[in-house]
């Protein structure tokens, strides 16, 4: 697990210096995988209709409900590697 956590932390650092900015759907996926890996399943109410960004982030994170922290970390690492 500590090796996976170290690789995850490295991928988080690398995500800040990608060669080009990913599209919005990819950014949502990066956000959702990060939140699932670090916090687990989404909690709280879905943001209202006027909070478009918050609602999109909540929906992306909620779509990963039930995915283990370890699997989310590995998926995050794989996604960042594919964007380099």
N, C-alpha and C. Protein backbone atom coordinates (compact mmCIF):
# COMPACT_ATOMS: atom_id res chain seq x y z
N UNK A 1 0.82 -1.20 0.00
CA UNK A 1 0.00 0.00 0.00
C UNK A 1 0.86 1.26 0.00
N UNK A 2 1.95 1.28 0.76
CA UNK A 2 2.78 2.49 0.83
C UNK A 2 3.42 2.80 -0.52
N UNK A 3 3.74 1.77 -1.31
CA UNK A 3 4.29 1.99 -2.64
C UNK A 3 3.24 2.65 -3.53
N UNK A 4 2.00 2.16 -3.45
CA UNK A 4 0.91 2.73 -4.22
C UNK A 4 0.68 4.19 -3.81
N UNK A 5 0.70 4.45 -2.52
CA UNK A 5 0.50 5.82 -2.01
C UNK A 5 1.62 6.74 -2.50
N UNK A 6 2.84 6.25 -2.52
CA UNK A 6 3.97 7.04 -3.00
C UNK A 6 3.81 7.34 -4.49
N UNK A 7 3.39 6.35 -5.27
CA UNK A 7 3.19 6.56 -6.71
C UNK A 7 2.02 7.50 -6.95
N UNK A 8 0.97 7.41 -6.10
CA UNK A 8 -0.17 8.31 -6.19
C UNK A 8 0.27 9.75 -5.91
N UNK A 9 1.03 9.94 -4.83
CA UNK A 9 1.52 11.28 -4.49
C UNK A 9 2.39 11.85 -5.61
N UNK A 10 3.19 11.00 -6.23
CA UNK A 10 4.02 11.42 -7.36
C UNK A 10 3.14 11.84 -8.54
N UNK A 11 2.09 11.07 -8.82
CA UNK A 11 1.18 11.40 -9.92
C UNK A 11 0.45 12.72 -9.65
N UNK A 12 0.08 12.97 -8.38
CA UNK A 12 -0.57 14.23 -8.02
C UNK A 12 0.38 15.39 -8.34
N UNK A 13 1.64 15.24 -7.97
CA UNK A 13 2.63 16.29 -8.25
C UNK A 13 2.79 16.47 -9.76
N UNK A 14 2.84 15.37 -10.50
CA UNK A 14 3.01 15.44 -11.95
C UNK A 14 1.79 16.03 -12.65
N UNK A 15 0.62 15.87 -12.04
CA UNK A 15 -0.61 16.39 -12.66
C UNK A 15 -0.59 17.91 -12.77
N UNK A 16 0.22 18.55 -11.94
CA UNK A 16 0.31 20.01 -11.95
C UNK A 16 1.23 20.54 -13.05
N UNK A 17 1.97 19.64 -13.70
CA UNK A 17 2.91 20.08 -14.74
C UNK A 17 2.77 19.24 -16.01
N UNK A 18 1.53 18.97 -16.40
CA UNK A 18 1.30 18.23 -17.64
C UNK A 18 1.67 19.11 -18.83
N UNK A 19 2.06 18.49 -19.95
CA UNK A 19 2.49 19.27 -21.11
C UNK A 19 1.39 20.21 -21.63
N UNK A 20 0.14 19.77 -21.58
CA UNK A 20 -0.97 20.63 -21.98
C UNK A 20 -2.16 20.39 -21.06
N UNK A 21 -3.00 21.42 -20.93
CA UNK A 21 -4.15 21.33 -20.03
C UNK A 21 -5.18 20.35 -20.62
N UNK A 22 -5.61 19.37 -19.82
CA UNK A 22 -6.62 18.41 -20.30
C UNK A 22 -7.96 19.11 -20.53
N UNK A 23 -8.82 18.47 -21.33
CA UNK A 23 -10.16 19.01 -21.55
C UNK A 23 -10.99 18.90 -20.27
N UNK A 24 -12.13 19.54 -20.24
CA UNK A 24 -12.94 19.61 -19.02
C UNK A 24 -13.40 18.24 -18.53
N UNK A 25 -13.76 17.34 -19.43
CA UNK A 25 -14.21 16.01 -19.01
C UNK A 25 -13.06 15.25 -18.33
N UNK A 26 -11.87 15.39 -18.87
CA UNK A 26 -10.70 14.73 -18.27
C UNK A 26 -10.37 15.36 -16.92
N UNK A 27 -10.49 16.69 -16.83
CA UNK A 27 -10.25 17.36 -15.55
C UNK A 27 -11.24 16.88 -14.50
N UNK A 28 -12.49 16.68 -14.89
CA UNK A 28 -13.49 16.16 -13.95
C UNK A 28 -13.12 14.75 -13.49
N UNK A 29 -12.63 13.94 -14.43
CA UNK A 29 -12.23 12.57 -14.07
C UNK A 29 -11.04 12.59 -13.11
N UNK A 30 -10.07 13.47 -13.37
CA UNK A 30 -8.91 13.61 -12.48
C UNK A 30 -9.39 14.01 -11.08
N UNK A 31 -10.28 15.00 -11.03
CA UNK A 31 -10.82 15.47 -9.75
C UNK A 31 -11.52 14.35 -9.00
N UNK A 32 -12.41 13.65 -9.71
CA UNK A 32 -13.22 12.60 -9.08
C UNK A 32 -12.33 11.46 -8.56
N UNK A 33 -11.35 11.05 -9.35
CA UNK A 33 -10.46 9.97 -8.91
C UNK A 33 -9.63 10.41 -7.70
N UNK A 34 -9.18 11.67 -7.71
CA UNK A 34 -8.42 12.18 -6.57
C UNK A 34 -9.28 12.16 -5.31
N UNK A 35 -10.50 12.67 -5.42
CA UNK A 35 -11.38 12.73 -4.25
C UNK A 35 -11.74 11.32 -3.76
N UNK A 36 -12.00 10.40 -4.67
CA UNK A 36 -12.35 9.03 -4.28
C UNK A 36 -11.16 8.37 -3.60
N UNK A 37 -9.96 8.60 -4.13
CA UNK A 37 -8.75 7.99 -3.55
C UNK A 37 -8.43 8.57 -2.19
N UNK A 38 -8.65 9.86 -2.01
CA UNK A 38 -8.25 10.50 -0.76
C UNK A 38 -9.36 10.59 0.29
N UNK A 39 -10.62 10.61 -0.14
CA UNK A 39 -11.73 10.80 0.81
C UNK A 39 -12.76 9.69 0.82
N UNK A 40 -12.74 8.81 -0.17
CA UNK A 40 -13.76 7.77 -0.24
C UNK A 40 -15.01 8.28 -0.93
N UNK A 41 -16.12 7.60 -0.70
CA UNK A 41 -17.37 7.94 -1.37
C UNK A 41 -17.82 9.36 -1.03
N UNK A 42 -18.46 9.99 -2.02
CA UNK A 42 -18.98 11.35 -1.84
C UNK A 42 -20.03 11.37 -0.73
N UNK A 43 -20.02 12.46 0.02
CA UNK A 43 -21.01 12.64 1.08
C UNK A 43 -21.67 14.00 0.89
N UNK A 44 -22.81 14.18 1.50
CA UNK A 44 -23.49 15.46 1.41
C UNK A 44 -24.45 15.51 0.24
N UNK A 45 -25.18 16.60 0.17
CA UNK A 45 -26.18 16.77 -0.86
C UNK A 45 -25.57 17.27 -2.16
N UNK A 46 -26.25 16.92 -3.25
CA UNK A 46 -25.83 17.38 -4.56
C UNK A 46 -26.06 18.90 -4.64
N UNK A 47 -25.07 19.65 -5.14
CA UNK A 47 -25.25 21.10 -5.26
C UNK A 47 -26.45 21.47 -6.13
N UNK A 48 -26.97 22.65 -5.92
CA UNK A 48 -28.16 23.11 -6.64
C UNK A 48 -27.90 23.37 -8.11
N UNK A 49 -29.01 23.62 -8.83
CA UNK A 49 -28.96 23.82 -10.28
C UNK A 49 -28.10 25.01 -10.69
N UNK A 50 -27.97 26.02 -9.84
CA UNK A 50 -27.21 27.21 -10.21
C UNK A 50 -25.71 27.04 -10.04
N UNK A 51 -25.29 26.01 -9.30
CA UNK A 51 -23.86 25.75 -9.09
C UNK A 51 -23.41 24.70 -10.11
N UNK A 52 -23.19 25.15 -11.35
CA UNK A 52 -22.88 24.22 -12.43
C UNK A 52 -21.59 23.46 -12.19
N UNK A 53 -20.54 24.16 -11.76
CA UNK A 53 -19.24 23.53 -11.56
C UNK A 53 -19.31 22.55 -10.39
N UNK A 54 -19.86 22.99 -9.27
CA UNK A 54 -19.99 22.13 -8.10
C UNK A 54 -20.81 20.89 -8.39
N UNK A 55 -21.88 21.07 -9.15
CA UNK A 55 -22.75 19.95 -9.51
C UNK A 55 -22.01 18.95 -10.41
N UNK A 56 -21.26 19.46 -11.38
CA UNK A 56 -20.50 18.57 -12.28
C UNK A 56 -19.45 17.79 -11.50
N UNK A 57 -18.76 18.47 -10.58
CA UNK A 57 -17.75 17.79 -9.76
C UNK A 57 -18.41 16.72 -8.88
N UNK A 58 -19.53 17.07 -8.25
CA UNK A 58 -20.23 16.13 -7.37
C UNK A 58 -20.68 14.91 -8.17
N UNK A 59 -21.25 15.14 -9.35
CA UNK A 59 -21.72 14.03 -10.20
C UNK A 59 -20.57 13.12 -10.62
N UNK A 60 -19.44 13.72 -10.99
CA UNK A 60 -18.28 12.92 -11.41
C UNK A 60 -17.77 12.07 -10.25
N UNK A 61 -17.71 12.66 -9.06
CA UNK A 61 -17.24 11.93 -7.88
C UNK A 61 -18.25 10.85 -7.51
N UNK A 62 -19.54 11.18 -7.53
CA UNK A 62 -20.59 10.23 -7.16
C UNK A 62 -20.60 9.02 -8.09
N UNK A 63 -20.20 9.21 -9.35
CA UNK A 63 -20.17 8.11 -10.31
C UNK A 63 -19.16 7.03 -9.90
N UNK A 64 -18.22 7.38 -9.03
CA UNK A 64 -17.20 6.43 -8.58
C UNK A 64 -17.56 5.76 -7.25
N UNK A 65 -18.75 6.00 -6.76
CA UNK A 65 -19.18 5.45 -5.47
C UNK A 65 -18.95 3.93 -5.43
N UNK A 66 -18.32 3.49 -4.36
CA UNK A 66 -18.07 2.06 -4.18
C UNK A 66 -16.68 1.62 -4.65
N UNK A 67 -16.01 2.46 -5.42
CA UNK A 67 -14.65 2.12 -5.88
C UNK A 67 -13.70 2.25 -4.69
N UNK A 68 -12.83 1.28 -4.51
CA UNK A 68 -11.90 1.31 -3.38
C UNK A 68 -10.88 2.43 -3.54
N UNK A 69 -10.34 2.88 -2.42
CA UNK A 69 -9.31 3.92 -2.45
C UNK A 69 -8.12 3.46 -3.29
N UNK A 70 -7.73 2.19 -3.12
CA UNK A 70 -6.58 1.66 -3.85
C UNK A 70 -6.83 1.66 -5.35
N UNK A 71 -8.04 1.23 -5.77
CA UNK A 71 -8.35 1.20 -7.20
C UNK A 71 -8.41 2.62 -7.76
N UNK A 72 -8.96 3.56 -6.99
CA UNK A 72 -9.02 4.95 -7.43
C UNK A 72 -7.61 5.52 -7.58
N UNK A 73 -6.72 5.18 -6.64
CA UNK A 73 -5.33 5.64 -6.74
C UNK A 73 -4.69 5.11 -8.01
N UNK A 74 -4.87 3.81 -8.27
CA UNK A 74 -4.26 3.21 -9.46
C UNK A 74 -4.84 3.82 -10.73
N UNK A 75 -6.14 4.04 -10.77
CA UNK A 75 -6.78 4.65 -11.94
C UNK A 75 -6.26 6.08 -12.16
N UNK A 76 -6.07 6.80 -11.06
CA UNK A 76 -5.54 8.17 -11.13
C UNK A 76 -4.13 8.14 -11.72
N UNK A 77 -3.29 7.25 -11.20
CA UNK A 77 -1.91 7.12 -11.69
C UNK A 77 -1.92 6.81 -13.18
N UNK A 78 -2.75 5.85 -13.59
CA UNK A 78 -2.82 5.46 -15.00
C UNK A 78 -3.27 6.62 -15.89
N UNK A 79 -4.25 7.38 -15.40
CA UNK A 79 -4.75 8.51 -16.19
C UNK A 79 -3.68 9.59 -16.36
N UNK A 80 -2.99 9.94 -15.28
CA UNK A 80 -1.94 10.95 -15.37
C UNK A 80 -0.82 10.47 -16.29
N UNK A 81 -0.45 9.20 -16.18
CA UNK A 81 0.59 8.65 -17.09
C UNK A 81 0.17 8.77 -18.55
N UNK A 82 -1.11 8.54 -18.83
CA UNK A 82 -1.59 8.61 -20.22
C UNK A 82 -1.60 10.04 -20.77
N UNK A 83 -1.58 11.03 -19.87
CA UNK A 83 -1.62 12.43 -20.29
C UNK A 83 -0.24 13.06 -20.46
N UNK A 84 0.80 12.34 -20.06
CA UNK A 84 2.16 12.89 -20.14
C UNK A 84 2.66 12.87 -21.57
